[in-house]
Full PDB file with SEQRES, HELIX, SHEET, SSBOND, CRYST1, ORIGX, SCALE, CONECT and MASTER records, all heavy atoms in Angstrom:
SEQRES   1 A   31  LYS THR ARG LYS ARG PRO ALA CYS ASP ILE GLU ASP GLY          
SEQRES   2 A   31  LEU ARG SER SER ALA THR CYS LEU LEU GLY VAL VAL ALA          
SEQRES   3 A   31  LEU ARG THR ARG ARG                                          
HELIX    1 AA1 ILE A   10  THR A   29  1                                  20    
CRYST1    1.000    1.000    1.000  90.00  90.00  90.00 P 1           1          
ORIGX1      1.000000  0.000000  0.000000        0.00000                         
ORIGX2      0.000000  1.000000  0.000000        0.00000                         
ORIGX3      0.000000  0.000000  1.000000        0.00000                         
SCALE1      1.000000  0.000000  0.000000        0.00000                         
SCALE2      0.000000  1.000000  0.000000        0.00000                         
SCALE3      0.000000  0.000000  1.000000        0.00000                         
ATOM      1  N   LYS A   1     -14.005   3.796  -5.893  1.00  0.00           N  
ATOM      2  CA  LYS A   1     -14.530   4.765  -6.864  1.00  0.00           C  
ATOM      3  C   LYS A   1     -13.883   4.590  -8.236  1.00  0.00           C  
ATOM      4  O   LYS A   1     -14.556   4.621  -9.261  1.00  0.00           O  
ATOM      5  CB  LYS A   1     -14.276   6.192  -6.393  1.00  0.00           C  
ATOM      6  CG  LYS A   1     -15.094   6.627  -5.223  1.00  0.00           C  
ATOM      7  CD  LYS A   1     -14.709   8.044  -4.870  1.00  0.00           C  
ATOM      8  CE  LYS A   1     -15.170   8.420  -3.492  1.00  0.00           C  
ATOM      9  NZ  LYS A   1     -14.662   9.731  -3.087  1.00  0.00           N  
ATOM     10  N   THR A   2     -12.558   4.452  -8.260  1.00  0.00           N  
ATOM     11  CA  THR A   2     -11.810   4.451  -9.521  1.00  0.00           C  
ATOM     12  C   THR A   2     -11.520   3.059 -10.071  1.00  0.00           C  
ATOM     13  O   THR A   2     -11.014   2.945 -11.189  1.00  0.00           O  
ATOM     14  CB  THR A   2     -10.473   5.182  -9.334  1.00  0.00           C  
ATOM     15  OG1 THR A   2      -9.678   4.464  -8.371  1.00  0.00           O  
ATOM     16  CG2 THR A   2     -10.685   6.611  -8.861  1.00  0.00           C  
ATOM     17  N   ARG A   3     -11.773   2.021  -9.279  1.00  0.00           N  
ATOM     18  CA  ARG A   3     -11.480   0.623  -9.641  1.00  0.00           C  
ATOM     19  C   ARG A   3      -9.988   0.365  -9.858  1.00  0.00           C  
ATOM     20  O   ARG A   3      -9.596  -0.540 -10.587  1.00  0.00           O  
ATOM     21  CB  ARG A   3     -12.274   0.186 -10.861  1.00  0.00           C  
ATOM     22  CG  ARG A   3     -13.770   0.254 -10.643  1.00  0.00           C  
ATOM     23  CD  ARG A   3     -14.472  -0.690 -11.574  1.00  0.00           C  
ATOM     24  NE  ARG A   3     -15.899  -0.664 -11.323  1.00  0.00           N  
ATOM     25  CZ  ARG A   3     -16.547  -1.598 -10.644  1.00  0.00           C  
ATOM     26  NH1 ARG A   3     -15.889  -2.604 -10.137  1.00  0.00           N  
ATOM     27  NH2 ARG A   3     -17.847  -1.522 -10.476  1.00  0.00           N  
ATOM     28  N   LYS A   4      -9.137   1.173  -9.234  1.00  0.00           N  
ATOM     29  CA  LYS A   4      -7.694   0.939  -9.287  1.00  0.00           C  
ATOM     30  C   LYS A   4      -7.313  -0.086  -8.217  1.00  0.00           C  
ATOM     31  O   LYS A   4      -8.066  -0.333  -7.284  1.00  0.00           O  
ATOM     32  CB  LYS A   4      -6.926   2.234  -9.021  1.00  0.00           C  
ATOM     33  CG  LYS A   4      -7.037   3.239 -10.137  1.00  0.00           C  
ATOM     34  CD  LYS A   4      -6.212   4.458  -9.819  1.00  0.00           C  
ATOM     35  CE  LYS A   4      -6.316   5.489 -10.922  1.00  0.00           C  
ATOM     36  NZ  LYS A   4      -5.596   6.715 -10.570  1.00  0.00           N  
ATOM     37  N   ARG A   5      -6.115  -0.636  -8.349  1.00  0.00           N  
ATOM     38  CA  ARG A   5      -5.609  -1.593  -7.373  1.00  0.00           C  
ATOM     39  C   ARG A   5      -5.188  -0.840  -6.109  1.00  0.00           C  
ATOM     40  O   ARG A   5      -4.495   0.180  -6.199  1.00  0.00           O  
ATOM     41  CB  ARG A   5      -4.416  -2.342  -7.973  1.00  0.00           C  
ATOM     42  CG  ARG A   5      -3.948  -3.499  -7.152  1.00  0.00           C  
ATOM     43  CD  ARG A   5      -2.848  -4.249  -7.917  1.00  0.00           C  
ATOM     44  NE  ARG A   5      -2.256  -5.249  -7.088  1.00  0.00           N  
ATOM     45  CZ  ARG A   5      -2.455  -6.553  -7.225  1.00  0.00           C  
ATOM     46  NH1 ARG A   5      -3.226  -6.983  -8.199  1.00  0.00           N  
ATOM     47  NH2 ARG A   5      -1.879  -7.409  -6.429  1.00  0.00           N  
ATOM     48  N   PRO A   6      -5.569  -1.322  -4.927  1.00  0.00           N  
ATOM     49  CA  PRO A   6      -5.214  -0.608  -3.690  1.00  0.00           C  
ATOM     50  C   PRO A   6      -3.722  -0.667  -3.374  1.00  0.00           C  
ATOM     51  O   PRO A   6      -2.985  -1.494  -3.921  1.00  0.00           O  
ATOM     52  CB  PRO A   6      -6.019  -1.329  -2.607  1.00  0.00           C  
ATOM     53  CG  PRO A   6      -6.433  -2.610  -3.193  1.00  0.00           C  
ATOM     54  CD  PRO A   6      -6.415  -2.473  -4.673  1.00  0.00           C  
ATOM     55  N   ALA A   7      -3.286   0.214  -2.488  1.00  0.00           N  
ATOM     56  CA  ALA A   7      -1.874   0.263  -2.099  1.00  0.00           C  
ATOM     57  C   ALA A   7      -1.436  -1.059  -1.471  1.00  0.00           C  
ATOM     58  O   ALA A   7      -0.311  -1.503  -1.665  1.00  0.00           O  
ATOM     59  CB  ALA A   7      -1.636   1.416  -1.137  1.00  0.00           C  
ATOM     60  N   CYS A   8      -2.301  -1.680  -0.698  1.00  0.00           N  
ATOM     61  CA  CYS A   8      -2.007  -2.991  -0.102  1.00  0.00           C  
ATOM     62  C   CYS A   8      -3.135  -3.932  -0.499  1.00  0.00           C  
ATOM     63  O   CYS A   8      -4.155  -4.005   0.175  1.00  0.00           O  
ATOM     64  CB  CYS A   8      -1.883  -2.883   1.408  1.00  0.00           C  
ATOM     65  SG  CYS A   8      -1.454  -4.453   2.176  1.00  0.00           S  
ATOM     66  N   ASP A   9      -2.944  -4.637  -1.587  1.00  0.00           N  
ATOM     67  CA  ASP A   9      -3.949  -5.557  -2.090  1.00  0.00           C  
ATOM     68  C   ASP A   9      -4.057  -6.763  -1.164  1.00  0.00           C  
ATOM     69  O   ASP A   9      -3.169  -7.008  -0.336  1.00  0.00           O  
ATOM     70  CB  ASP A   9      -3.566  -5.989  -3.499  1.00  0.00           C  
ATOM     71  CG  ASP A   9      -4.734  -6.537  -4.279  1.00  0.00           C  
ATOM     72  OD1 ASP A   9      -5.884  -6.160  -3.975  1.00  0.00           O  
ATOM     73  OD2 ASP A   9      -4.506  -7.333  -5.189  1.00  0.00           O  
ATOM     74  N   ILE A  10      -5.099  -7.546  -1.304  1.00  0.00           N  
ATOM     75  CA  ILE A  10      -5.317  -8.688  -0.421  1.00  0.00           C  
ATOM     76  C   ILE A  10      -4.193  -9.719  -0.538  1.00  0.00           C  
ATOM     77  O   ILE A  10      -3.804 -10.333   0.452  1.00  0.00           O  
ATOM     78  CB  ILE A  10      -6.704  -9.321  -0.649  1.00  0.00           C  
ATOM     79  CG1 ILE A  10      -7.018 -10.289   0.476  1.00  0.00           C  
ATOM     80  CG2 ILE A  10      -6.785  -9.965  -2.026  1.00  0.00           C  
ATOM     81  CD1 ILE A  10      -8.470 -10.627   0.595  1.00  0.00           C  
ATOM     82  N   GLU A  11      -3.631  -9.888  -1.744  1.00  0.00           N  
ATOM     83  CA  GLU A  11      -2.514 -10.826  -1.898  1.00  0.00           C  
ATOM     84  C   GLU A  11      -1.278 -10.351  -1.124  1.00  0.00           C  
ATOM     85  O   GLU A  11      -0.565 -11.150  -0.522  1.00  0.00           O  
ATOM     86  CB  GLU A  11      -2.160 -11.024  -3.375  1.00  0.00           C  
ATOM     87  CG  GLU A  11      -3.177 -11.838  -4.152  1.00  0.00           C  
ATOM     88  CD  GLU A  11      -4.220 -10.959  -4.821  1.00  0.00           C  
ATOM     89  OE1 GLU A  11      -4.118  -9.715  -4.729  1.00  0.00           O  
ATOM     90  OE2 GLU A  11      -5.145 -11.517  -5.429  1.00  0.00           O  
ATOM     91  N   ASP A  12      -1.024  -9.034  -1.148  1.00  0.00           N  
ATOM     92  CA  ASP A  12       0.098  -8.478  -0.390  1.00  0.00           C  
ATOM     93  C   ASP A  12      -0.117  -8.686   1.107  1.00  0.00           C  
ATOM     94  O   ASP A  12       0.807  -9.028   1.850  1.00  0.00           O  
ATOM     95  CB  ASP A  12       0.265  -6.987  -0.675  1.00  0.00           C  
ATOM     96  CG  ASP A  12       0.583  -6.704  -2.129  1.00  0.00           C  
ATOM     97  OD1 ASP A  12       1.200  -7.575  -2.774  1.00  0.00           O  
ATOM     98  OD2 ASP A  12       0.214  -5.613  -2.603  1.00  0.00           O  
ATOM     99  N   GLY A  13      -1.335  -8.460   1.564  1.00  0.00           N  
ATOM    100  CA  GLY A  13      -1.651  -8.655   2.974  1.00  0.00           C  
ATOM    101  C   GLY A  13      -1.471 -10.095   3.399  1.00  0.00           C  
ATOM    102  O   GLY A  13      -0.960 -10.380   4.484  1.00  0.00           O  
ATOM    103  N   LEU A  14      -1.888 -11.026   2.555  1.00  0.00           N  
ATOM    104  CA  LEU A  14      -1.717 -12.446   2.868  1.00  0.00           C  
ATOM    105  C   LEU A  14      -0.244 -12.804   2.972  1.00  0.00           C  
ATOM    106  O   LEU A  14       0.180 -13.443   3.934  1.00  0.00           O  
ATOM    107  CB  LEU A  14      -2.382 -13.313   1.796  1.00  0.00           C  
ATOM    108  CG  LEU A  14      -2.105 -14.814   1.928  1.00  0.00           C  
ATOM    109  CD1 LEU A  14      -2.770 -15.359   3.182  1.00  0.00           C  
ATOM    110  CD2 LEU A  14      -2.551 -15.557   0.705  1.00  0.00           C  
ATOM    111  N   ARG A  15       0.544 -12.366   1.994  1.00  0.00           N  
ATOM    112  CA  ARG A  15       1.973 -12.699   2.004  1.00  0.00           C  
ATOM    113  C   ARG A  15       2.696 -12.105   3.213  1.00  0.00           C  
ATOM    114  O   ARG A  15       3.636 -12.683   3.731  1.00  0.00           O  
ATOM    115  CB  ARG A  15       2.636 -12.219   0.713  1.00  0.00           C  
ATOM    116  CG  ARG A  15       2.260 -13.061  -0.473  1.00  0.00           C  
ATOM    117  CD  ARG A  15       3.050 -12.657  -1.712  1.00  0.00           C  
ATOM    118  NE  ARG A  15       2.516 -13.320  -2.873  1.00  0.00           N  
ATOM    119  CZ  ARG A  15       1.782 -12.745  -3.799  1.00  0.00           C  
ATOM    120  NH1 ARG A  15       1.499 -11.451  -3.719  1.00  0.00           N  
ATOM    121  NH2 ARG A  15       1.323 -13.429  -4.825  1.00  0.00           N  
ATOM    122  N   SER A  16       2.267 -10.927   3.643  1.00  0.00           N  
ATOM    123  CA  SER A  16       2.953 -10.284   4.767  1.00  0.00           C  
ATOM    124  C   SER A  16       2.507 -10.817   6.120  1.00  0.00           C  
ATOM    125  O   SER A  16       3.203 -10.628   7.104  1.00  0.00           O  
ATOM    126  CB  SER A  16       2.741  -8.773   4.707  1.00  0.00           C  
ATOM    127  OG  SER A  16       1.379  -8.468   4.890  1.00  0.00           O  
ATOM    128  N   SER A  17       1.362 -11.492   6.192  1.00  0.00           N  
ATOM    129  CA  SER A  17       0.876 -11.943   7.495  1.00  0.00           C  
ATOM    130  C   SER A  17       0.813 -13.456   7.657  1.00  0.00           C  
ATOM    131  O   SER A  17       0.669 -13.946   8.776  1.00  0.00           O  
ATOM    132  CB  SER A  17      -0.508 -11.353   7.771  1.00  0.00           C  
ATOM    133  OG  SER A  17      -1.427 -11.824   6.806  1.00  0.00           O  
ATOM    134  N   ALA A  18       0.915 -14.231   6.580  1.00  0.00           N  
ATOM    135  CA  ALA A  18       0.730 -15.683   6.662  1.00  0.00           C  
ATOM    136  C   ALA A  18       1.734 -16.342   7.602  1.00  0.00           C  
ATOM    137  O   ALA A  18       1.359 -17.198   8.409  1.00  0.00           O  
ATOM    138  CB  ALA A  18       0.819 -16.305   5.270  1.00  0.00           C  
ATOM    139  N   THR A  19       3.001 -15.972   7.527  1.00  0.00           N  
ATOM    140  CA  THR A  19       4.016 -16.584   8.378  1.00  0.00           C  
ATOM    141  C   THR A  19       3.735 -16.311   9.849  1.00  0.00           C  
ATOM    142  O   THR A  19       3.845 -17.208  10.685  1.00  0.00           O  
ATOM    143  CB  THR A  19       5.418 -16.061   8.003  1.00  0.00           C  
ATOM    144  OG1 THR A  19       5.623 -16.291   6.619  1.00  0.00           O  
ATOM    145  CG2 THR A  19       6.486 -16.754   8.805  1.00  0.00           C  
ATOM    146  N   CYS A  20       3.347 -15.076  10.165  1.00  0.00           N  
ATOM    147  CA  CYS A  20       3.023 -14.738  11.551  1.00  0.00           C  
ATOM    148  C   CYS A  20       1.816 -15.520  12.049  1.00  0.00           C  
ATOM    149  O   CYS A  20       1.806 -16.019  13.177  1.00  0.00           O  
ATOM    150  CB  CYS A  20       2.752 -13.243  11.679  1.00  0.00           C  
ATOM    151  SG  CYS A  20       4.163 -12.226  11.276  1.00  0.00           S  
ATOM    152  N   LEU A  21       0.798 -15.641  11.215  1.00  0.00           N  
ATOM    153  CA  LEU A  21      -0.400 -16.380  11.605  1.00  0.00           C  
ATOM    154  C   LEU A  21      -0.099 -17.860  11.818  1.00  0.00           C  
ATOM    155  O   LEU A  21      -0.599 -18.478  12.762  1.00  0.00           O  
ATOM    156  CB  LEU A  21      -1.499 -16.197  10.565  1.00  0.00           C  
ATOM    157  CG  LEU A  21      -2.035 -14.776  10.426  1.00  0.00           C  
ATOM    158  CD1 LEU A  21      -2.968 -14.678   9.234  1.00  0.00           C  
ATOM    159  CD2 LEU A  21      -2.732 -14.328  11.699  1.00  0.00           C  
ATOM    160  N   LEU A  22       0.735 -18.450  10.960  1.00  0.00           N  
ATOM    161  CA  LEU A  22       1.132 -19.845  11.149  1.00  0.00           C  
ATOM    162  C   LEU A  22       1.922 -20.030  12.442  1.00  0.00           C  
ATOM    163  O   LEU A  22       1.786 -21.040  13.132  1.00  0.00           O  
ATOM    164  CB  LEU A  22       1.948 -20.323   9.956  1.00  0.00           C  
ATOM    165  CG  LEU A  22       1.155 -20.545   8.671  1.00  0.00           C  
ATOM    166  CD1 LEU A  22       2.108 -20.827   7.512  1.00  0.00           C  
ATOM    167  CD2 LEU A  22       0.155 -21.668   8.835  1.00  0.00           C  
ATOM    168  N   GLY A  23       2.746 -19.039  12.786  1.00  0.00           N  
ATOM    169  CA  GLY A  23       3.483 -19.087  14.041  1.00  0.00           C  
ATOM    170  C   GLY A  23       2.559 -19.065  15.248  1.00  0.00           C  
ATOM    171  O   GLY A  23       2.775 -19.777  16.231  1.00  0.00           O  
ATOM    172  N   VAL A  24       1.510 -18.271  15.178  1.00  0.00           N  
ATOM    173  CA  VAL A  24       0.529 -18.213  16.273  1.00  0.00           C  
ATOM    174  C   VAL A  24      -0.183 -19.548  16.413  1.00  0.00           C  
ATOM    175  O   VAL A  24      -0.369 -20.053  17.526  1.00  0.00           O  
ATOM    176  CB  VAL A  24      -0.477 -17.067  16.036  1.00  0.00           C  
ATOM    177  CG1 VAL A  24      -1.627 -17.146  17.010  1.00  0.00           C  
ATOM    178  CG2 VAL A  24       0.214 -15.732  16.143  1.00  0.00           C  
ATOM    179  N   VAL A  25      -0.561 -20.166  15.300  1.00  0.00           N  
ATOM    180  CA  VAL A  25      -1.219 -21.475  15.343  1.00  0.00           C  
ATOM    181  C   VAL A  25      -0.287 -22.510  15.963  1.00  0.00           C  
ATOM    182  O   VAL A  25      -0.691 -23.294  16.834  1.00  0.00           O  
ATOM    183  CB  VAL A  25      -1.674 -21.912  13.931  1.00  0.00           C  
ATOM    184  CG1 VAL A  25      -2.140 -23.357  13.931  1.00  0.00           C  
ATOM    185  CG2 VAL A  25      -2.772 -21.001  13.430  1.00  0.00           C  
ATOM    186  N   ALA A  26       0.981 -22.521  15.547  1.00  0.00           N  
ATOM    187  CA  ALA A  26       1.942 -23.472  16.099  1.00  0.00           C  
ATOM    188  C   ALA A  26       2.142 -23.251  17.594  1.00  0.00           C  
ATOM    189  O   ALA A  26       2.233 -24.207  18.367  1.00  0.00           O  
ATOM    190  CB  ALA A  26       3.277 -23.358  15.363  1.00  0.00           C  
ATOM    191  N   LEU A  27       2.193 -22.000  18.013  1.00  0.00           N  
ATOM    192  CA  LEU A  27       2.374 -21.695  19.431  1.00  0.00           C  
ATOM    193  C   LEU A  27       1.173 -22.153  20.247  1.00  0.00           C  
ATOM    194  O   LEU A  27       1.324 -22.779  21.300  1.00  0.00           O  
ATOM    195  CB  LEU A  27       2.593 -20.192  19.618  1.00  0.00           C  
ATOM    196  CG  LEU A  27       2.785 -19.710  21.044  1.00  0.00           C  
ATOM    197  CD1 LEU A  27       4.103 -20.235  21.603  1.00  0.00           C  
ATOM    198  CD2 LEU A  27       2.753 -18.196  21.094  1.00  0.00           C  
ATOM    199  N   ARG A  28      -0.029 -21.881  19.768  1.00  0.00           N  
ATOM    200  CA  ARG A  28      -1.233 -22.236  20.516  1.00  0.00           C  
ATOM    201  C   ARG A  28      -1.493 -23.733  20.534  1.00  0.00           C  
ATOM    202  O   ARG A  28      -2.067 -24.248  21.487  1.00  0.00           O  
ATOM    203  CB  ARG A  28      -2.426 -21.490  19.946  1.00  0.00           C  
ATOM    204  CG  ARG A  28      -2.360 -20.024  20.256  1.00  0.00           C  
ATOM    205  CD  ARG A  28      -3.598 -19.305  19.843  1.00  0.00           C  
ATOM    206  NE  ARG A  28      -3.476 -17.890  20.185  1.00  0.00           N  
ATOM    207  CZ  ARG A  28      -4.295 -16.966  19.759  1.00  0.00           C  
ATOM    208  NH1 ARG A  28      -5.305 -17.291  18.985  1.00  0.00           N  
ATOM    209  NH2 ARG A  28      -4.116 -15.712  20.106  1.00  0.00           N  
ATOM    210  N   THR A  29      -1.091 -24.443  19.503  1.00  0.00           N  
ATOM    211  CA  THR A  29      -1.296 -25.894  19.481  1.00  0.00           C  
ATOM    212  C   THR A  29      -0.083 -26.645  20.028  1.00  0.00           C  
ATOM    213  O   THR A  29      -0.096 -27.858  20.110  1.00  0.00           O  
ATOM    214  CB  THR A  29      -1.578 -26.381  18.049  1.00  0.00           C  
ATOM    215  OG1 THR A  29      -0.476 -26.046  17.215  1.00  0.00           O  
ATOM    216  CG2 THR A  29      -2.858 -25.784  17.518  1.00  0.00           C  
ATOM    217  N   ARG A  30       0.952 -25.885  20.375  1.00  0.00           N  
ATOM    218  CA  ARG A  30       2.203 -26.449  20.907  1.00  0.00           C  
ATOM    219  C   ARG A  30       2.848 -27.424  19.928  1.00  0.00           C  
ATOM    220  O   ARG A  30       3.441 -28.416  20.308  1.00  0.00           O  
ATOM    221  CB  ARG A  30       1.967 -27.179  22.232  1.00  0.00           C  
ATOM    222  CG  ARG A  30       1.306 -26.345  23.282  1.00  0.00           C  
ATOM    223  CD  ARG A  30       2.350 -25.699  24.146  1.00  0.00           C  
ATOM    224  NE  ARG A  30       1.736 -25.113  25.311  1.00  0.00           N  
ATOM    225  CZ  ARG A  30       1.776 -23.834  25.586  1.00  0.00           C  
ATOM    226  NH1 ARG A  30       2.406 -23.026  24.775  1.00  0.00           N  
ATOM    227  NH2 ARG A  30       1.229 -23.348  26.657  1.00  0.00           N  
ATOM    228  N   ARG A  31       2.703 -27.135  18.632  1.00  0.00           N  
ATOM    229  CA  ARG A  31       3.297 -27.992  17.616  1.00  0.00           C  
ATOM    230  C   ARG A  31       4.136 -27.141  16.677  1.00  0.00           C  
ATOM    231  O   ARG A  31       3.671 -26.149  16.164  1.00  0.00           O  
ATOM    232  CB  ARG A  31       2.231 -28.710  16.813  1.00  0.00           C  
ATOM    233  CG  ARG A  31       1.450 -29.693  17.677  1.00  0.00           C  
ATOM    234  CD  ARG A  31       0.557 -30.541  16.889  1.00  0.00           C  
ATOM    235  NE  ARG A  31       1.362 -31.301  15.933  1.00  0.00           N  
ATOM    236  CZ  ARG A  31       0.848 -32.067  15.016  1.00  0.00           C  
ATOM    237  NH1 ARG A  31      -0.436 -32.157  14.898  1.00  0.00           N  
ATOM    238  NH2 ARG A  31       1.610 -32.743  14.191  1.00  0.00           N  
TER     239      ARG A  31                                                      
MASTER        0    0    0    1    0    0    0    6  238    1    0    3          
END                                                                             
């Protein structure tokens, strides 16, 4: 509605989850 920046912007979400997601990929591919 207001066009303000959200409390958790998409860049913040990426930075907070990228390491975990890479860990899951490494675990599933056994690499």
